[in-house]
C-alpha cells in the first residue's frame, strides 16, 4: 500500500498507512496459505492406477474422479469433496464439512450414486489420500460395483483436472 501511494505521488510512511487503515477498518487481503489435504502415509491398501492418464471416456458414467479442497470462511476452514464425471466434467456429487474425514468423500460418492445410479463397472479415480483408501470408502465403492483407481505416488488428482475445473466456480 505504501509503495502504491508513493508511486501515485503521495508521501506516506508505513506507520501512517497502517494507522489510517486501522482507523478506517481497512484490512489487507493475505495470500491463501497452503494446506495439505492428502495423507499418503498410512497402512491402508492402495489401488492401482487403472486410468493411466486416459482422461477422455467416450460416454457418461464410465469414469468418475474425486478430490478434496479447502475453503476459508468466516467460520474457519471448510473442506469440499467433489465427484466429477470425466466425460462432460459435470459435478455429480459433493460434500462440505468442517473436518476432512472419510465421511466427506463417502457422502460425496453417495450423492453422486443416487443422482446418477451408474451401472456396475464404473471406475472411480482419486489421489492416494487416507480418506479414499479408508475401509468405509472402499466398502462403499464395492457396494456400488465401482472399480477403484488411484494416482501414482506424488501425482495427486491434478492429473484428473478435478479441482482445476471446480475452483473457478467457487466465489472468492
Protein backbone atom coordinates (compact mmCIF):
# COMPACT_ATOMS: atom_id res chain seq x y z
CA UNK A 1 0.00 0.00 0.00
CA UNK A 2 2.84 2.39 0.92
CA UNK A 3 4.61 1.66 -2.35
CA UNK A 4 1.43 2.28 -4.34
CA UNK A 5 0.77 5.60 -2.59
CA UNK A 6 4.32 6.75 -3.21
CA UNK A 7 4.11 5.85 -6.92
CA UNK A 8 0.98 7.99 -7.13
CA UNK A 9 2.81 10.97 -5.65
CA UNK A 10 1.68 10.81 -2.00
CA UNK A 11 4.27 10.84 0.75
CA UNK A 12 3.33 8.40 3.47
CA UNK A 13 5.18 6.30 5.99
CA UNK A 14 4.38 2.69 6.69
CA UNK A 15 3.20 3.57 10.20
CA UNK A 16 0.83 6.28 8.93
CA UNK A 17 -0.70 3.97 6.36
CA UNK A 18 -1.15 1.23 8.99
CA UNK A 19 -2.79 3.72 11.40
CA UNK A 20 -5.16 5.13 8.74
CA UNK A 21 -6.13 1.67 7.56
CA UNK A 22 -6.79 0.55 11.14
CA UNK A 23 -8.88 3.68 11.89
CA UNK A 24 -10.96 3.11 8.74
CA UNK A 25 -11.23 -0.64 9.30
CA UNK A 26 -9.43 -1.47 6.06
CA UNK A 27 -7.65 -4.80 6.08
CA UNK A 28 -5.21 -6.21 3.56
CA UNK A 29 -6.07 -9.49 1.88
CA UNK A 30 -3.45 -12.08 2.69
CA UNK A 31 -2.20 -14.74 0.36
CA UNK A 32 -4.04 -18.01 0.88
CA UNK A 33 -1.98 -20.40 2.97
CA UNK A 34 -1.13 -23.80 1.55
CA UNK A 35 -2.97 -26.55 3.36
CA UNK A 36 -2.04 -30.21 2.93
CA UNK A 37 -5.10 -32.29 2.03
CA UNK A 38 -3.50 -35.62 1.12
CA UNK A 39 -2.06 -38.02 3.66
CA UNK A 40 -0.40 -40.94 1.89
CA UNK A 41 1.44 -42.30 4.93
CA UNK A 42 -0.94 -44.89 6.30
CA UNK A 43 -1.22 -48.67 6.45
CA UNK A 44 -4.21 -49.00 4.12
CA UNK A 45 -4.01 -50.71 0.72
CA UNK A 46 -3.58 -48.53 -2.37
CA UNK A 47 -5.36 -49.30 -5.65
CA UNK A 48 -3.58 -49.49 -8.99
CA UNK A 49 -3.84 -46.62 -11.43
CA UNK A 50 -6.45 -48.14 -13.76
CA UNK A 51 -6.98 -44.85 -15.57
CA UNK A 52 -3.38 -44.50 -16.77
CA UNK A 53 -3.92 -40.83 -17.72
CA UNK A 54 -6.78 -41.65 -20.10
CA UNK A 55 -8.99 -38.73 -19.13
CA UNK A 56 -11.38 -38.91 -22.09
CA UNK A 57 -14.11 -41.52 -21.57
CA UNK A 58 -16.47 -41.98 -24.53
CA UNK A 59 -19.72 -41.90 -22.51
CA UNK A 60 -21.09 -40.65 -19.18
CA UNK A 61 -20.79 -42.75 -16.02
CA UNK A 62 -17.67 -44.63 -17.12
CA UNK A 63 -15.06 -42.72 -15.09
CA UNK A 64 -15.62 -40.50 -12.09
CA UNK A 65 -12.83 -38.68 -10.31
CA UNK A 66 -12.72 -37.12 -6.87
CA UNK A 67 -10.69 -34.61 -4.94
CA UNK A 68 -10.80 -32.56 -1.76
CA UNK A 69 -10.01 -28.89 -1.41
CA UNK A 70 -10.34 -26.36 1.38
CA UNK A 71 -12.14 -23.05 1.63
CA UNK A 72 -11.63 -20.25 4.13
CA UNK A 73 -14.91 -18.89 5.51
CA UNK A 74 -15.86 -16.51 8.30
CA UNK A 75 -16.36 -19.61 10.45
CA UNK A 76 -12.95 -21.12 9.65
CA UNK A 77 -11.75 -23.77 7.20
CA UNK A 78 -14.28 -25.95 5.43
CA UNK A 79 -13.40 -28.91 3.25
CA UNK A 80 -15.13 -29.59 -0.06
CA UNK A 81 -15.10 -33.04 -1.65
CA UNK A 82 -16.47 -33.39 -5.15
CA UNK A 83 -17.11 -36.23 -7.57
CA UNK A 84 -16.75 -35.31 -11.22
CA UNK A 85 -17.87 -37.28 -14.28
CA UNK A 86 -14.85 -37.10 -16.58
CA UNK A 87 -16.98 -37.45 -19.72
CA UNK A 88 -18.52 -33.98 -19.52
CA UNK A 89 -16.78 -32.56 -16.40
CA UNK A 90 -20.09 -32.41 -14.57
CA UNK A 91 -20.07 -32.33 -10.76
CA UNK A 92 -22.25 -35.30 -9.87
CA UNK A 93 -21.72 -35.30 -6.10
CA UNK A 94 -20.24 -33.13 -3.39
CA UNK A 95 -19.93 -32.76 0.36
CA UNK A 96 -18.86 -29.82 2.53
CA UNK A 97 -17.70 -30.42 6.11
CA UNK A 98 -15.52 -28.81 8.79
CA UNK A 99 -13.34 -31.94 9.08
CA UNK A 100 -11.56 -33.96 6.45
CA UNK A 101 -12.61 -37.48 7.40
CA UNK A 102 -13.60 -40.48 5.31
CA UNK A 103 -17.20 -39.34 5.76
CA UNK A 104 -16.75 -36.34 3.48
CA UNK A 105 -15.69 -38.44 0.46
CA UNK A 106 -18.21 -41.19 1.25
CA UNK A 107 -21.04 -38.62 1.37
CA UNK A 108 -19.94 -37.08 -1.95
CA UNK A 109 -19.84 -40.54 -3.56
CA UNK A 110 -23.26 -41.44 -2.15
CA UNK A 111 -24.76 -38.24 -3.55
CA UNK A 112 -23.23 -38.97 -6.95
CA UNK A 113 -24.51 -42.54 -6.96
CA UNK A 114 -28.06 -41.52 -6.00
CA UNK A 115 -28.12 -38.81 -8.66
CA UNK A 116 -26.77 -40.99 -11.50
CA UNK A 117 -27.29 -44.67 -10.49
CA UNK A 118 -24.50 -45.87 -12.82
CA UNK A 119 -24.18 -49.45 -13.97
CA UNK A 120 -21.58 -51.59 -12.15
CA UNK A 121 -18.05 -51.32 -13.55
CA UNK A 122 -17.60 -47.56 -13.34
CA UNK A 123 -14.03 -46.51 -12.47
CA UNK A 124 -13.58 -44.14 -9.55
CA UNK A 125 -10.21 -42.33 -9.70
CA UNK A 126 -8.66 -40.30 -6.87
CA UNK A 127 -5.38 -39.49 -5.21
CA UNK A 128 -3.94 -41.75 -2.50
CA UNK A 129 -5.39 -39.79 0.41
CA UNK A 130 -6.31 -41.72 3.53
CA UNK A 131 -9.97 -40.78 3.06
CA UNK A 132 -10.09 -42.59 -0.30
CA UNK A 133 -8.10 -45.59 0.99
CA UNK A 134 -10.29 -45.90 4.10
CA UNK A 135 -12.30 -49.07 4.66
CA UNK A 136 -15.56 -47.07 4.76
CA UNK A 137 -14.94 -45.56 1.31
CA UNK A 138 -13.66 -48.79 -0.24
CA UNK A 139 -16.70 -50.66 1.11
CA UNK A 140 -18.98 -48.04 -0.47
CA UNK A 141 -17.22 -48.46 -3.83
CA UNK A 142 -17.74 -52.24 -3.63
CA UNK A 143 -21.40 -51.78 -2.65
CA UNK A 144 -21.94 -49.63 -5.76
CA UNK A 145 -19.98 -52.02 -8.00
CA UNK A 146 -17.25 -49.48 -8.79
CA UNK A 147 -13.58 -50.15 -9.52
CA UNK A 148 -11.07 -48.09 -7.54
CA UNK A 149 -8.18 -46.35 -9.28
CA UNK A 150 -5.59 -44.14 -7.60
CA UNK A 151 -2.93 -41.81 -8.98
CA UNK A 152 0.66 -42.88 -8.61
CA UNK A 153 2.56 -41.55 -5.60
CA UNK A 154 3.44 -37.88 -5.77
CA UNK A 155 0.94 -37.32 -8.56
CA UNK A 156 -2.22 -36.01 -6.96
CA UNK A 157 -5.65 -35.68 -8.56
CA UNK A 158 -4.45 -32.66 -10.55
CA UNK A 159 -3.91 -35.22 -13.30
CA UNK A 160 -7.65 -35.59 -13.50
CA UNK A 161 -8.31 -31.86 -13.61
CA UNK A 162 -10.89 -32.24 -10.87
CA UNK A 163 -10.31 -29.16 -8.73
CA UNK A 164 -8.99 -27.08 -11.63
CA UNK A 165 -12.50 -27.36 -13.07
CA UNK A 166 -14.40 -26.65 -9.86
CA UNK A 167 -12.34 -23.92 -8.20
CA UNK A 168 -13.20 -21.17 -10.75
CA UNK A 169 -16.88 -21.81 -9.99
CA UNK A 170 -16.42 -21.03 -6.28
CA UNK A 171 -16.68 -17.29 -5.47
CA UNK A 172 -13.66 -15.81 -3.74
